[in-house]
Structures are given as structure tokens and as C-alpha cells.
Amino acid sequence: VYETVSSVQEMEAFYAQYREAYGLDIAAFTLQMETYTEEYYQSAALLWVFFGESSGSVGHTLEKVEKTADGELLVVMQRELPEIGTMDLAQWASFVTIPASAADLPVRLEFVDINV
């Protein structure tokens, strides 16, 4: 699941909608929100990517973001899979800076598994 944020108003609406569900009501997040000004959104947008894992031990690294020939925004995340994981479930909400011109593109999210 993903959502694109391309203005201060959209960021405020995003925060209001997801702050409890994703635990965004923390000082670090609200301070970070202040860095995304209208000036920022003139050239960039934020792509929020939501996903879950069967173990909180699984790590993630952004591998690439690119516009495809089909007009999609391809986001590739590495899933760093440990040999032994924990038995807890994890929900992730990650954000990626994208060009403002890509804010309206359909998104294709792919995961590449890496054993660590």
C-alpha cells in the first residue's frame, strides 16, 4: 500500500489519518514534518510505503526508484532476511523522496530478498 504526499496540507491530512495506526505521534516525526515546507514540495514529493513483515528482524533498504517505460514509478526495496528471526509481526511505514513530477504516477513496489 502506498500514498503520495505532495503538499503541506496533504502531509497534515496524512498525519491526522495515520498517526495512531502507525505510531507517528512522536516528537521525532513531528519535527521531521516541519522540514517539508511548500518550498520543498515545489520540486519533490514524499511516497509513503506501508508494508508488513512476519518478523521484526527483517531489515529494509531502498534499492532504487525509477520511472519505467510503461509510465510507472518503480520502487525496489531490499528485504534483509536474517538466518534466525523473531516471532513478532512488524508493520512498516517508510517514506521516499521522489520528484514532484512523479507524484501522480502509478506505483509498482517490488521487494528483493537478501539473506544476511
PDB file of N, CA and C in Angstrom:
ATOM      1  N   VAL A   1       0.854  -1.162   0.000  1.00  0.00           N
ATOM      2  CA  VAL A   1       0.000   0.000   0.000  1.00  0.00           C
ATOM      3  C   VAL A   1       0.900   1.225   0.000  1.00  0.00           C
ATOM      4  N   TYR A   2       0.507   2.237  -0.721  1.00  0.00           N
ATOM      5  CA  TYR A   2       1.308   3.449  -0.765  1.00  0.00           C
ATOM      6  C   TYR A   2       0.402   4.674  -0.845  1.00  0.00           C
ATOM      7  N   GLU A   3       0.983   5.807  -0.517  1.00  0.00           N
ATOM      8  CA  GLU A   3       0.279   7.078  -0.639  1.00  0.00           C
ATOM      9  C   GLU A   3       1.311   8.154  -0.940  1.00  0.00           C
ATOM     10  N   THR A   4       0.961   9.064  -1.828  1.00  0.00           N
ATOM     11  CA  THR A   4       1.857  10.153  -2.187  1.00  0.00           C
ATOM     12  C   THR A   4       1.405  11.433  -1.484  1.00  0.00           C
ATOM     13  N   VAL A   5       2.379  12.138  -0.928  1.00  0.00           N
ATOM     14  CA  VAL A   5       2.130  13.407  -0.254  1.00  0.00           C
ATOM     15  C   VAL A   5       2.870  14.480  -1.040  1.00  0.00           C
ATOM     16  N   SER A   6       2.135  15.484  -1.539  1.00  0.00           N
ATOM     17  CA  SER A   6       2.786  16.481  -2.386  1.00  0.00           C
ATOM     18  C   SER A   6       2.504  17.927  -1.974  1.00  0.00           C
ATOM     19  N   SER A   7       2.073  18.131  -0.716  1.00  0.00           N
ATOM     20  CA  SER A   7       1.883  19.485  -0.199  1.00  0.00           C
ATOM     21  C   SER A   7       1.838  19.431   1.326  1.00  0.00           C
ATOM     22  N   VAL A   8       1.990  20.593   1.938  1.00  0.00           N
ATOM     23  CA  VAL A   8       1.904  20.674   3.394  1.00  0.00           C
ATOM     24  C   VAL A   8       0.522  20.215   3.859  1.00  0.00           C
ATOM     25  N   GLN A   9      -0.523  20.603   3.141  1.00  0.00           N
ATOM     26  CA  GLN A   9      -1.883  20.208   3.519  1.00  0.00           C
ATOM     27  C   GLN A   9      -2.063  18.691   3.435  1.00  0.00           C
ATOM     28  N   GLU A  10      -1.505  18.073   2.402  1.00  0.00           N
ATOM     29  CA  GLU A  10      -1.593  16.612   2.284  1.00  0.00           C
ATOM     30  C   GLU A  10      -0.815  15.931   3.407  1.00  0.00           C
ATOM     31  N   MET A  11       0.326  16.505   3.814  1.00  0.00           N
ATOM     32  CA  MET A  11       1.095  15.943   4.929  1.00  0.00           C
ATOM     33  C   MET A  11       0.288  16.022   6.220  1.00  0.00           C
ATOM     34  N   GLU A  12      -0.376  17.144   6.448  1.00  0.00           N
ATOM     35  CA  GLU A  12      -1.196  17.285   7.652  1.00  0.00           C
ATOM     36  C   GLU A  12      -2.349  16.290   7.649  1.00  0.00           C
ATOM     37  N   ALA A  13      -2.987  16.091   6.497  1.00  0.00           N
ATOM     38  CA  ALA A  13      -4.079  15.120   6.394  1.00  0.00           C
ATOM     39  C   ALA A  13      -3.554  13.698   6.590  1.00  0.00           C
ATOM     40  N   PHE A  14      -2.395  13.399   6.011  1.00  0.00           N
ATOM     41  CA  PHE A  14      -1.768  12.086   6.182  1.00  0.00           C
ATOM     42  C   PHE A  14      -1.503  11.816   7.660  1.00  0.00           C
ATOM     43  N   TYR A  15      -0.907  12.800   8.326  1.00  0.00           N
ATOM     44  CA  TYR A  15      -0.586  12.661   9.741  1.00  0.00           C
ATOM     45  C   TYR A  15      -1.848  12.422  10.573  1.00  0.00           C
ATOM     46  N   ALA A  16      -2.887  13.189  10.305  1.00  0.00           N
ATOM     47  CA  ALA A  16      -4.140  13.033  11.049  1.00  0.00           C
ATOM     48  C   ALA A  16      -4.737  11.651  10.834  1.00  0.00           C
ATOM     49  N   GLN A  17      -4.631  11.132   9.610  1.00  0.00           N
ATOM     50  CA  GLN A  17      -5.232   9.837   9.302  1.00  0.00           C
ATOM     51  C   GLN A  17      -4.440   8.663   9.879  1.00  0.00           C
ATOM     52  N   TYR A  18      -3.113   8.745   9.862  1.00  0.00           N
ATOM     53  CA  TYR A  18      -2.287   7.578  10.190  1.00  0.00           C
ATOM     54  C   TYR A  18      -1.495   7.680  11.489  1.00  0.00           C
ATOM     55  N   ARG A  19      -1.565   8.787  12.203  1.00  0.00           N
ATOM     56  CA  ARG A  19      -0.680   8.949  13.360  1.00  0.00           C
ATOM     57  C   ARG A  19      -0.872   7.881  14.423  1.00  0.00           C
ATOM     58  N   GLU A  20      -2.093   7.487  14.702  1.00  0.00           N
ATOM     59  CA  GLU A  20      -2.313   6.457  15.718  1.00  0.00           C
ATOM     60  C   GLU A  20      -2.002   5.069  15.186  1.00  0.00           C
ATOM     61  N   ALA A  21      -2.452   4.770  13.989  1.00  0.00           N
ATOM     62  CA  ALA A  21      -2.262   3.436  13.413  1.00  0.00           C
ATOM     63  C   ALA A  21      -0.787   3.081  13.258  1.00  0.00           C
ATOM     64  N   TYR A  22       0.045   4.076  12.914  1.00  0.00           N
ATOM     65  CA  TYR A  22       1.461   3.813  12.679  1.00  0.00           C
ATOM     66  C   TYR A  22       2.372   4.431  13.730  1.00  0.00           C
ATOM     67  N   GLY A  23       1.823   4.901  14.829  1.00  0.00           N
ATOM     68  CA  GLY A  23       2.629   5.426  15.918  1.00  0.00           C
ATOM     69  C   GLY A  23       3.442   6.655  15.534  1.00  0.00           C
ATOM     70  N   LEU A  24       2.847   7.528  14.728  1.00  0.00           N
ATOM     71  CA  LEU A  24       3.567   8.704  14.253  1.00  0.00           C
ATOM     72  C   LEU A  24       3.538   9.863  15.238  1.00  0.00           C
ATOM     73  N   ASP A  25       2.837   9.691  16.333  1.00  0.00           N
ATOM     74  CA  ASP A  25       2.669  10.777  17.296  1.00  0.00           C
ATOM     75  C   ASP A  25       3.869  10.844  18.243  1.00  0.00           C
ATOM     76  N   ILE A  26       5.054  10.988  17.649  1.00  0.00           N
ATOM     77  CA  ILE A  26       6.279  11.091  18.430  1.00  0.00           C
ATOM     78  C   ILE A  26       7.011  12.364  18.009  1.00  0.00           C
ATOM     79  N   ALA A  27       7.817  12.886  18.906  1.00  0.00           N
ATOM     80  CA  ALA A  27       8.497  14.160  18.651  1.00  0.00           C
ATOM     81  C   ALA A  27       9.372  14.108  17.402  1.00  0.00           C
ATOM     82  N   ALA A  28      10.094  13.013  17.194  1.00  0.00           N
ATOM     83  CA  ALA A  28      10.992  12.921  16.039  1.00  0.00           C
ATOM     84  C   ALA A  28      10.227  13.053  14.726  1.00  0.00           C
ATOM     85  N   PHE A  29       9.059  12.453  14.655  1.00  0.00           N
ATOM     86  CA  PHE A  29       8.280  12.530  13.415  1.00  0.00           C
ATOM     87  C   PHE A  29       7.712  13.924  13.217  1.00  0.00           C
ATOM     88  N   THR A  30       7.158  14.511  14.258  1.00  0.00           N
ATOM     89  CA  THR A  30       6.566  15.835  14.102  1.00  0.00           C
ATOM     90  C   THR A  30       7.637  16.882  13.785  1.00  0.00           C
ATOM     91  N   LEU A  31       8.844  16.737  14.319  1.00  0.00           N
ATOM     92  CA  LEU A  31       9.936  17.638  13.954  1.00  0.00           C
ATOM     93  C   LEU A  31      10.331  17.444  12.492  1.00  0.00           C
ATOM     94  N   GLN A  32      10.350  16.204  12.029  1.00  0.00           N
ATOM     95  CA  GLN A  32      10.688  15.920  10.637  1.00  0.00           C
ATOM     96  C   GLN A  32       9.649  16.521   9.701  1.00  0.00           C
ATOM     97  N   MET A  33       8.387  16.470  10.083  1.00  0.00           N
ATOM     98  CA  MET A  33       7.322  17.035   9.259  1.00  0.00           C
ATOM     99  C   MET A  33       7.566  18.509   8.955  1.00  0.00           C
ATOM    100  N   GLU A  34       8.142  19.226   9.913  1.00  0.00           N
ATOM    101  CA  GLU A  34       8.376  20.655   9.740  1.00  0.00           C
ATOM    102  C   GLU A  34       9.386  20.960   8.637  1.00  0.00           C
ATOM    103  N   THR A  35      10.218  19.995   8.275  1.00  0.00           N
ATOM    104  CA  THR A  35      11.214  20.221   7.216  1.00  0.00           C
ATOM    105  C   THR A  35      10.588  20.170   5.827  1.00  0.00           C
ATOM    106  N   TYR A  36       9.388  19.626   5.723  1.00  0.00           N
ATOM    107  CA  TYR A  36       8.713  19.521   4.432  1.00  0.00           C
ATOM    108  C   TYR A  36       7.790  20.723   4.244  1.00  0.00           C
ATOM    109  N   THR A  37       8.366  21.797   3.731  1.00  0.00           N
ATOM    110  CA  THR A  37       7.665  23.061   3.534  1.00  0.00           C
ATOM    111  C   THR A  37       7.091  23.124   2.123  1.00  0.00           C
ATOM    112  N   GLU A  38       6.315  24.156   1.856  1.00  0.00           N
ATOM    113  CA  GLU A  38       5.794  24.345   0.487  1.00  0.00           C
ATOM    114  C   GLU A  38       6.945  24.472  -0.506  1.00  0.00           C
ATOM    115  N   GLU A  39       8.042  25.074  -0.080  1.00  0.00           N
ATOM    116  CA  GLU A  39       9.223  25.174  -0.954  1.00  0.00           C
ATOM    117  C   GLU A  39       9.746  23.780  -1.314  1.00  0.00           C
ATOM    118  N   TYR A  40       9.795  22.889  -0.333  1.00  0.00           N
ATOM    119  CA  TYR A  40      10.221  21.506  -0.588  1.00  0.00           C
ATOM    120  C   TYR A  40       9.337  20.852  -1.642  1.00  0.00           C
ATOM    121  N   TYR A  41       8.018  21.014  -1.491  1.00  0.00           N
ATOM    122  CA  TYR A  41       7.072  20.340  -2.384  1.00  0.00           C
ATOM    123  C   TYR A  41       7.032  20.935  -3.791  1.00  0.00           C
ATOM    124  N   GLN A  42       7.703  22.048  -4.027  1.00  0.00           N
ATOM    125  CA  GLN A  42       7.771  22.589  -5.384  1.00  0.00           C
ATOM    126  C   GLN A  42       8.592  21.689  -6.300  1.00  0.00           C
ATOM    127  N   SER A  43       9.585  20.990  -5.745  1.00  0.00           N
ATOM    128  CA  SER A  43      10.433  20.140  -6.570  1.00  0.00           C
ATOM    129  C   SER A  43      10.383  18.662  -6.187  1.00  0.00           C
ATOM    130  N   ALA A  44       9.771  18.343  -5.061  1.00  0.00           N
ATOM    131  CA  ALA A  44       9.772  16.955  -4.581  1.00  0.00           C
ATOM    132  C   ALA A  44       8.430  16.605  -3.952  1.00  0.00           C
ATOM    133  N   ALA A  45       8.229  15.307  -3.788  1.00  0.00           N
ATOM    134  CA  ALA A  45       7.060  14.779  -3.076  1.00  0.00           C
ATOM    135  C   ALA A  45       7.556  13.630  -2.208  1.00  0.00           C
ATOM    136  N   LEU A  46       6.699  13.168  -1.323  1.00  0.00           N
ATOM    137  CA  LEU A  46       7.024  12.017  -0.479  1.00  0.00           C
ATOM    138  C   LEU A  46       6.120  10.857  -0.860  1.00  0.00           C
ATOM    139  N   LEU A  47       6.723   9.729  -1.051  1.00  0.00           N
ATOM    140  CA  LEU A  47       5.973   8.499  -1.297  1.00  0.00           C
ATOM    141  C   LEU A  47       6.040   7.686  -0.011  1.00  0.00           C
ATOM    142  N   TRP A  48       4.882   7.518   0.629  1.00  0.00           N
ATOM    143  CA  TRP A  48       4.802   6.715   1.853  1.00  0.00           C
ATOM    144  C   TRP A  48       4.461   5.294   1.452  1.00  0.00           C
ATOM    145  N   VAL A  49       5.270   4.343   1.888  1.00  0.00           N
ATOM    146  CA  VAL A  49       5.091   2.934   1.550  1.00  0.00           C
ATOM    147  C   VAL A  49       4.806   2.179   2.843  1.00  0.00           C
ATOM    148  N   PHE A  50       3.686   1.464   2.866  1.00  0.00           N
ATOM    149  CA  PHE A  50       3.271   0.695   4.039  1.00  0.00           C
ATOM    150  C   PHE A  50       3.383  -0.800   3.723  1.00  0.00           C
ATOM    151  N   PHE A  51       4.013  -1.544   4.624  1.00  0.00           N
ATOM    152  CA  PHE A  51       4.098  -2.987   4.415  1.00  0.00           C
ATOM    153  C   PHE A  51       4.328  -3.674   5.752  1.00  0.00           C
ATOM    154  N   GLY A  52       4.060  -4.958   5.780  1.00  0.00           N
ATOM    155  CA  GLY A  52       4.214  -5.735   7.000  1.00  0.00           C
ATOM    156  C   GLY A  52       5.198  -6.869   6.793  1.00  0.00           C
ATOM    157  N   GLU A  53       5.749  -7.343   7.883  1.00  0.00           N
ATOM    158  CA  GLU A  53       6.677  -8.471   7.860  1.00  0.00           C
ATOM    159  C   GLU A  53       6.279  -9.454   8.954  1.00  0.00           C
ATOM    160  N   SER A  54       6.630 -10.702   8.738  1.00  0.00           N
ATOM    161  CA  SER A  54       6.326 -11.734   9.735  1.00  0.00           C
ATOM    162  C   SER A  54       7.333 -11.741  10.875  1.00  0.00           C
ATOM    163  N   SER A  55       8.394 -10.936  10.769  1.00  0.00           N
ATOM    164  CA  SER A  55       9.398 -10.833  11.814  1.00  0.00           C
ATOM    165  C   SER A  55       9.922  -9.407  11.878  1.00  0.00           C
ATOM    166  N   GLY A  56      10.068  -8.901  13.087  1.00  0.00           N
ATOM    167  CA  GLY A  56      10.650  -7.586  13.272  1.00  0.00           C
ATOM    168  C   GLY A  56      12.145  -7.558  12.992  1.00  0.00           C
ATOM    169  N   SER A  57      12.747  -8.725  12.775  1.00  0.00           N
ATOM    170  CA  SER A  57      14.180  -8.806  12.483  1.00  0.00           C
ATOM    171  C   SER A  57      14.504  -8.527  11.023  1.00  0.00           C
ATOM    172  N   VAL A  58      13.492  -8.485  10.174  1.00  0.00           N
ATOM    173  CA  VAL A  58      13.714  -8.228   8.754  1.00  0.00           C
ATOM    174  C   VAL A  58      14.014  -6.743   8.565  1.00  0.00           C
ATOM    175  N   GLY A  59      15.143  -6.446   7.925  1.00  0.00           N
ATOM    176  CA  GLY A  59      15.522  -5.061   7.659  1.00  0.00           C
ATOM    177  C   GLY A  59      15.180  -4.687   6.224  1.00  0.00           C
ATOM    178  N   HIS A  60      15.236  -3.405   5.932  1.00  0.00           N
ATOM    179  CA  HIS A  60      14.890  -2.917   4.603  1.00  0.00           C
ATOM    180  C   HIS A  60      15.835  -1.811   4.174  1.00  0.00           C
ATOM    181  N   THR A  61      16.172  -1.804   2.894  1.00  0.00           N
ATOM    182  CA  THR A  61      16.990  -0.761   2.290  1.00  0.00           C
ATOM    183  C   THR A  61      16.385  -0.412   0.939  1.00  0.00           C
ATOM    184  N   LEU A  62      16.274   0.867   0.675  1.00  0.00           N
ATOM    185  CA  LEU A  62      15.792   1.303  -0.618  1.00  0.00           C
ATOM    186  C   LEU A  62      16.873   1.016  -1.655  1.00  0.00           C
ATOM    187  N   GLU A  63      16.520   0.259  -2.684  1.00  0.00           N
ATOM    188  CA  GLU A  63      17.482  -0.075  -3.731  1.00  0.00           C
ATOM    189  C   GLU A  63      17.430   0.917  -4.885  1.00  0.00           C
ATOM    190  N   LYS A  64      16.218   1.219  -5.366  1.00  0.00           N
ATOM    191  CA  LYS A  64      16.113   2.193  -6.457  1.00  0.00           C
ATOM    192  C   LYS A  64      14.684   2.683  -6.607  1.00  0.00           C
ATOM    193  N   VAL A  65      14.591   3.860  -7.216  1.00  0.00           N
ATOM    194  CA  VAL A  65      13.317   4.465  -7.598  1.00  0.00           C
ATOM    195  C   VAL A  65      13.515   4.983  -9.009  1.00  0.00           C
ATOM    196  N   GLU A  66      12.667   4.523  -9.937  1.00  0.00           N
ATOM    197  CA  GLU A  66      12.823   4.983 -11.317  1.00  0.00           C
ATOM    198  C   GLU A  66      11.488   4.949 -12.052  1.00  0.00           C
ATOM    199  N   LYS A  67      11.381   5.831 -13.024  1.00  0.00           N
ATOM    200  CA  LYS A  67      10.215   5.836 -13.890  1.00  0.00           C
ATOM    201  C   LYS A  67      10.440   4.791 -14.970  1.00  0.00           C
ATOM    202  N   THR A  68       9.440   3.927 -15.178  1.00  0.00           N
ATOM    203  CA  THR A  68       9.568   2.867 -16.175  1.00  0.00           C
ATOM    204  C   THR A  68       9.078   3.349 -17.531  1.00  0.00           C
ATOM    205  N   ALA A  69       9.372   2.563 -18.554  1.00  0.00           N
ATOM    206  CA  ALA A  69       8.898   2.870 -19.907  1.00  0.00           C
ATOM    207  C   ALA A  69       7.379   2.829 -19.985  1.00  0.00           C
ATOM    208  N   ASP A  70       6.740   2.098 -19.058  1.00  0.00           N
ATOM    209  CA  ASP A  70       5.280   1.993 -19.012  1.00  0.00           C
ATOM    210  C   ASP A  70       4.627   3.159 -18.266  1.00  0.00           C
ATOM    211  N   GLY A  71       5.434   4.104 -17.788  1.00  0.00           N
ATOM    212  CA  GLY A  71       4.888   5.266 -17.092  1.00  0.00           C
ATOM    213  C   GLY A  71       4.581   5.024 -15.629  1.00  0.00           C
ATOM    214  N   GLU A  72       5.178   3.988 -15.048  1.00  0.00           N
ATOM    215  CA  GLU A  72       5.017   3.711 -13.622  1.00  0.00           C
ATOM    216  C   GLU A  72       6.230   4.240 -12.858  1.00  0.00           C
ATOM    217  N   LEU A  73       6.058   4.401 -11.565  1.00  0.00           N
ATOM    218  CA  LEU A  73       7.175   4.680 -10.683  1.00  0.00           C
ATOM    219  C   LEU A  73       7.529   3.366 -10.003  1.00  0.00           C
ATOM    220  N   LEU A  74       8.677   2.816 -10.339  1.00  0.00           N
ATOM    221  CA  LEU A  74       9.127   1.550  -9.767  1.00  0.00           C
ATOM    222  C   LEU A  74       9.952   1.827  -8.521  1.00  0.00           C
ATOM    223  N   VAL A  75       9.543   1.235  -7.405  1.00  0.00           N
ATOM    224  CA  VAL A  75      10.261   1.350  -6.138  1.00  0.00           C
ATOM    225  C   VAL A  75      10.711  -0.053  -5.754  1.00  0.00           C
ATOM    226  N   VAL A  76      12.023  -0.235  -5.632  1.00  0.00           N
ATOM    227  CA  VAL A  76      12.576  -1.542  -5.284  1.00  0.00           C
ATOM    228  C   VAL A  76      13.206  -1.450  -3.903  1.00  0.00           C
ATOM    229  N   MET A  77      12.727  -2.297  -2.997  1.00  0.00           N
ATOM    230  CA  MET A  77      13.243  -2.364  -1.632  1.00  0.00           C
ATOM    231  C   MET A  77      13.928  -3.714  -1.427  1.00  0.00           C
ATOM    232  N   GLN A  78      15.098  -3.690  -0.792  1.00  0.00           N
ATOM    233  CA  GLN A  78      15.745  -4.929  -0.385  1.00  0.00           C
ATOM    234  C   GLN A  78      15.167  -5.355   0.954  1.00  0.00           C
ATOM    235  N   ARG A  79      14.829  -6.632   1.056  1.00  0.00           N
ATOM    236  CA  ARG A  79      14.419  -7.216   2.335  1.00  0.00           C
ATOM    237  C   ARG A  79      15.605  -8.014   2.848  1.00  0.00           C
ATOM    238  N   GLU A  80      16.174  -7.570   3.966  1.00  0.00           N
ATOM    239  CA  GLU A  80      17.342  -8.221   4.544  1.00  0.00           C
ATOM    240  C   GLU A  80      16.868  -9.277   5.536  1.00  0.00           C
ATOM    241  N   LEU A  81      16.935 -10.530   5.103  1.00  0.00           N
ATOM    242  CA  LEU A  81      16.373 -11.643   5.861  1.00  0.00           C
ATOM    243  C   LEU A  81      17.455 -12.313   6.711  1.00  0.00           C
ATOM    244  N   PRO A  82      17.333 -12.257   8.039  1.00  0.00           N
ATOM    245  CA  PRO A  82      18.322 -12.918   8.893  1.00  0.00           C
ATOM    246  C   PRO A  82      18.109 -14.431   8.887  1.00  0.00           C
ATOM    247  N   GLU A  83      19.154 -15.146   9.238  1.00  0.00           N
ATOM    248  CA  GLU A  83      19.059 -16.606   9.305  1.00  0.00           C
ATOM    249  C   GLU A  83      18.028 -17.036  10.351  1.00  0.00           C
ATOM    250  N   ILE A  84      18.000 -16.311  11.471  1.00  0.00           N
ATOM    251  CA  ILE A  84      17.036 -16.588  12.538  1.00  0.00           C
ATOM    252  C   ILE A  84      16.292 -15.290  12.833  1.00  0.00           C
ATOM    253  N   GLY A  85      14.977 -15.340  12.778  1.00  0.00           N
ATOM    254  CA  GLY A  85      14.177 -14.144  13.024  1.00  0.00           C
ATOM    255  C   GLY A  85      13.401 -14.249  14.318  1.00  0.00           C
ATOM    256  N   THR A  86      12.783 -13.158  14.690  1.00  0.00           N
ATOM    257  CA  THR A  86      11.930 -13.143  15.871  1.00  0.00           C
ATOM    258  C   THR A  86      10.519 -13.563  15.472  1.00  0.00           C
ATOM    259  N   MET A  87       9.686 -13.826  16.433  1.00  0.00           N
ATOM    260  CA  MET A  87       8.331 -14.318  16.180  1.00  0.00           C
ATOM    261  C   MET A  87       7.293 -13.188  16.275  1.00  0.00           C
ATOM    262  N   ASP A  88       7.735 -11.947  16.176  1.00  0.00           N
ATOM    263  CA  ASP A  88       6.796 -10.834  16.251  1.00  0.00           C
ATOM    264  C   ASP A  88       6.466 -10.337  14.842  1.00  0.00           C
ATOM    265  N   LEU A  89       5.311  -9.763  14.704  1.00  0.00           N
ATOM    266  CA  LEU A  89       4.924  -9.156  13.438  1.00  0.00           C
ATOM    267  C   LEU A  89       5.368  -7.698  13.456  1.00  0.00           C
ATOM    268  N   ALA A  90       5.722  -7.175  12.294  1.00  0.00           N
ATOM    269  CA  ALA A  90       6.148  -5.778  12.213  1.00  0.00           C
ATOM    270  C   ALA A  90       5.401  -5.078  11.089  1.00  0.00           C
ATOM    271  N   GLN A  91       4.955  -3.872  11.371  1.00  0.00           N
ATOM    272  CA  GLN A  91       4.343  -3.009  10.356  1.00  0.00           C
ATOM    273  C   GLN A  91       5.310  -1.863  10.102  1.00  0.00           C
ATOM    274  N   TRP A  92       5.558  -1.560   8.847  1.00  0.00           N
ATOM    275  CA  TRP A  92       6.492  -0.513   8.480  1.00  0.00           C
ATOM    276  C   TRP A  92       5.787   0.574   7.691  1.00  0.00           C
ATOM    277  N   ALA A  93       6.178   1.792   7.957  1.00  0.00           N
ATOM    278  CA  ALA A  93       5.741   2.947   7.174  1.00  0.00           C
ATOM    279  C   ALA A  93       7.018   3.705   6.825  1.00  0.00           C
ATOM    280  N   SER A  94       7.432   3.586   5.587  1.00  0.00           N
ATOM    281  CA  SER A  94       8.661   4.232   5.139  1.00  0.00           C
ATOM    282  C   SER A  94       8.335   5.311   4.126  1.00  0.00           C
ATOM    283  N   PHE A  95       9.147   6.342   4.075  1.00  0.00           N
ATOM    284  CA  PHE A  95       8.919   7.339   3.052  1.00  0.00           C
ATOM    285  C   PHE A  95      10.146   7.523   2.183  1.00  0.00           C
ATOM    286  N   VAL A  96       9.870   7.850   0.919  1.00  0.00           N
ATOM    287  CA  VAL A  96      10.901   8.010  -0.097  1.00  0.00           C
ATOM    288  C   VAL A  96      10.664   9.350  -0.779  1.00  0.00           C
ATOM    289  N   THR A  97      11.720  10.129  -0.941  1.00  0.00           N
ATOM    290  CA  THR A  97      11.604  11.379  -1.693  1.00  0.00           C
ATOM    291  C   THR A  97      11.607  11.060  -3.181  1.00  0.00           C
ATOM    292  N   ILE A  98      10.620  11.605  -3.882  1.00  0.00           N
ATOM    293  CA  ILE A  98      10.516  11.418  -5.329  1.00  0.00           C
ATOM    294  C   ILE A  98      10.382  12.792  -5.993  1.00  0.00           C
ATOM    295  N   PRO A  99      10.678  12.889  -7.283  1.00  0.00           N
ATOM    296  CA  PRO A  99      10.459  14.164  -7.963  1.00  0.00           C
ATOM    297  C   PRO A  99       8.980  14.534  -7.950  1.00  0.00           C
ATOM    298  N   ALA A 100       8.696  15.822  -7.831  1.00  0.00           N
ATOM    299  CA  ALA A 100       7.300  16.275  -7.833  1.00  0.00           C
ATOM    300  C   ALA A 100       6.578  15.817  -9.099  1.00  0.00           C
ATOM    301  N   SER A 101       7.305  15.740 -10.206  1.00  0.00           N
ATOM    302  CA  SER A 101       6.701  15.318 -11.478  1.00  0.00           C
ATOM    303  C   SER A 101       6.244  13.862 -11.466  1.00  0.00           C
ATOM    304  N   ALA A 102       6.702  13.076 -10.492  1.00  0.00           N
ATOM    305  CA  ALA A 102       6.324  11.659 -10.404  1.00  0.00           C
ATOM    306  C   ALA A 102       5.182  11.418  -9.420  1.00  0.00           C
ATOM    307  N   ALA A 103       4.677  12.468  -8.786  1.00  0.00           N
ATOM    308  CA  ALA A 103       3.689  12.317  -7.718  1.00  0.00           C
ATOM    309  C   ALA A 103       2.388  11.662  -8.172  1.00  0.00           C
ATOM    310  N   ASP A 104       2.018  11.819  -9.433  1.00  0.00           N
ATOM    311  CA  ASP A 104       0.751  11.268  -9.914  1.00  0.00           C
ATOM    312  C   ASP A 104       0.909   9.943 -10.654  1.00  0.00           C
ATOM    313  N   LEU A 105       2.124   9.416 -10.708  1.00  0.00           N
ATOM    314  CA  LEU A 105       2.340   8.161 -11.426  1.00  0.00           C
ATOM    315  C   LEU A 105       1.841   6.975 -10.599  1.00  0.00           C
ATOM    316  N   PRO A 106       1.349   5.928 -11.265  1.00  0.00           N
ATOM    317  CA  PRO A 106       1.047   4.700 -10.525  1.00  0.00           C
ATOM    318  C   PRO A 106       2.354   4.095 -10.007  1.00  0.00           C
ATOM    319  N   VAL A 107       2.293   3.468  -8.845  1.00  0.00           N
ATOM    320  CA  VAL A 107       3.494   2.940  -8.197  1.00  0.00           C
ATOM    321  C   VAL A 107       3.491   1.414  -8.255  1.00  0.00           C
ATOM    322  N   ARG A 108       4.661   0.871  -8.579  1.00  0.00           N
ATOM    323  CA  ARG A 108       4.865  -0.587  -8.507  1.00  0.00           C
ATOM    324  C   ARG A 108       5.966  -0.820  -7.482  1.00  0.00           C
ATOM    325  N   LEU A 109       5.632  -1.500  -6.409  1.00  0.00           N
ATOM    326  CA  LEU A 109       6.580  -1.789  -5.336  1.00  0.00           C
ATOM    327  C   LEU A 109       7.061  -3.221  -5.479  1.00  0.00           C
ATOM    328  N   GLU A 110       8.383  -3.385  -5.509  1.00  0.00           N
ATOM    329  CA  GLU A 110       8.976  -4.721  -5.599  1.00  0.00           C
ATOM    330  C   GLU A 110       9.951  -4.904  -4.448  1.00  0.00           C
ATOM    331  N   PHE A 111      10.014  -6.127  -3.941  1.00  0.00           N
ATOM    332  CA  PHE A 111      10.957  -6.481  -2.888  1.00  0.00           C
ATOM    333  C   PHE A 111      11.944  -7.500  -3.443  1.00  0.00           C
ATOM    334  N   VAL A 112      13.217  -7.304  -3.102  1.00  0.00           N
ATOM    335  CA  VAL A 112      14.277  -8.245  -3.464  1.00  0.00           C
ATOM    336  C   VAL A 112      14.805  -8.811  -2.157  1.00  0.00           C
ATOM    337  N   ASP A 113      14.739 -10.132  -1.996  1.00  0.00           N
ATOM    338  CA  ASP A 113      15.175 -10.766  -0.758  1.00  0.00           C
ATOM    339  C   ASP A 113      16.691 -10.998  -0.761  1.00  0.00           C
ATOM    340  N   ILE A 114      17.324 -10.601   0.330  1.00  0.00           N
ATOM    341  CA  ILE A 114      18.764 -10.783   0.528  1.00  0.00           C
ATOM    342  C   ILE A 114      18.930 -11.537   1.846  1.00  0.00           C
ATOM    343  N   ASN A 115      19.606 -12.681   1.830  1.00  0.00           N
ATOM    344  CA  ASN A 115      19.875 -13.409   3.063  1.00  0.00           C
ATOM    345  C   ASN A 115      21.103 -12.813   3.722  1.00  0.00           C
ATOM    346  N   VAL A 116      20.949 -12.453   5.009  1.00  0.00           N
ATOM    347  CA  VAL A 116      22.072 -11.862   5.750  1.00  0.00           C
ATOM    348  C   VAL A 116      22.484 -12.730   6.912  1.00  0.00           C
TER     349      VAL A 116
END
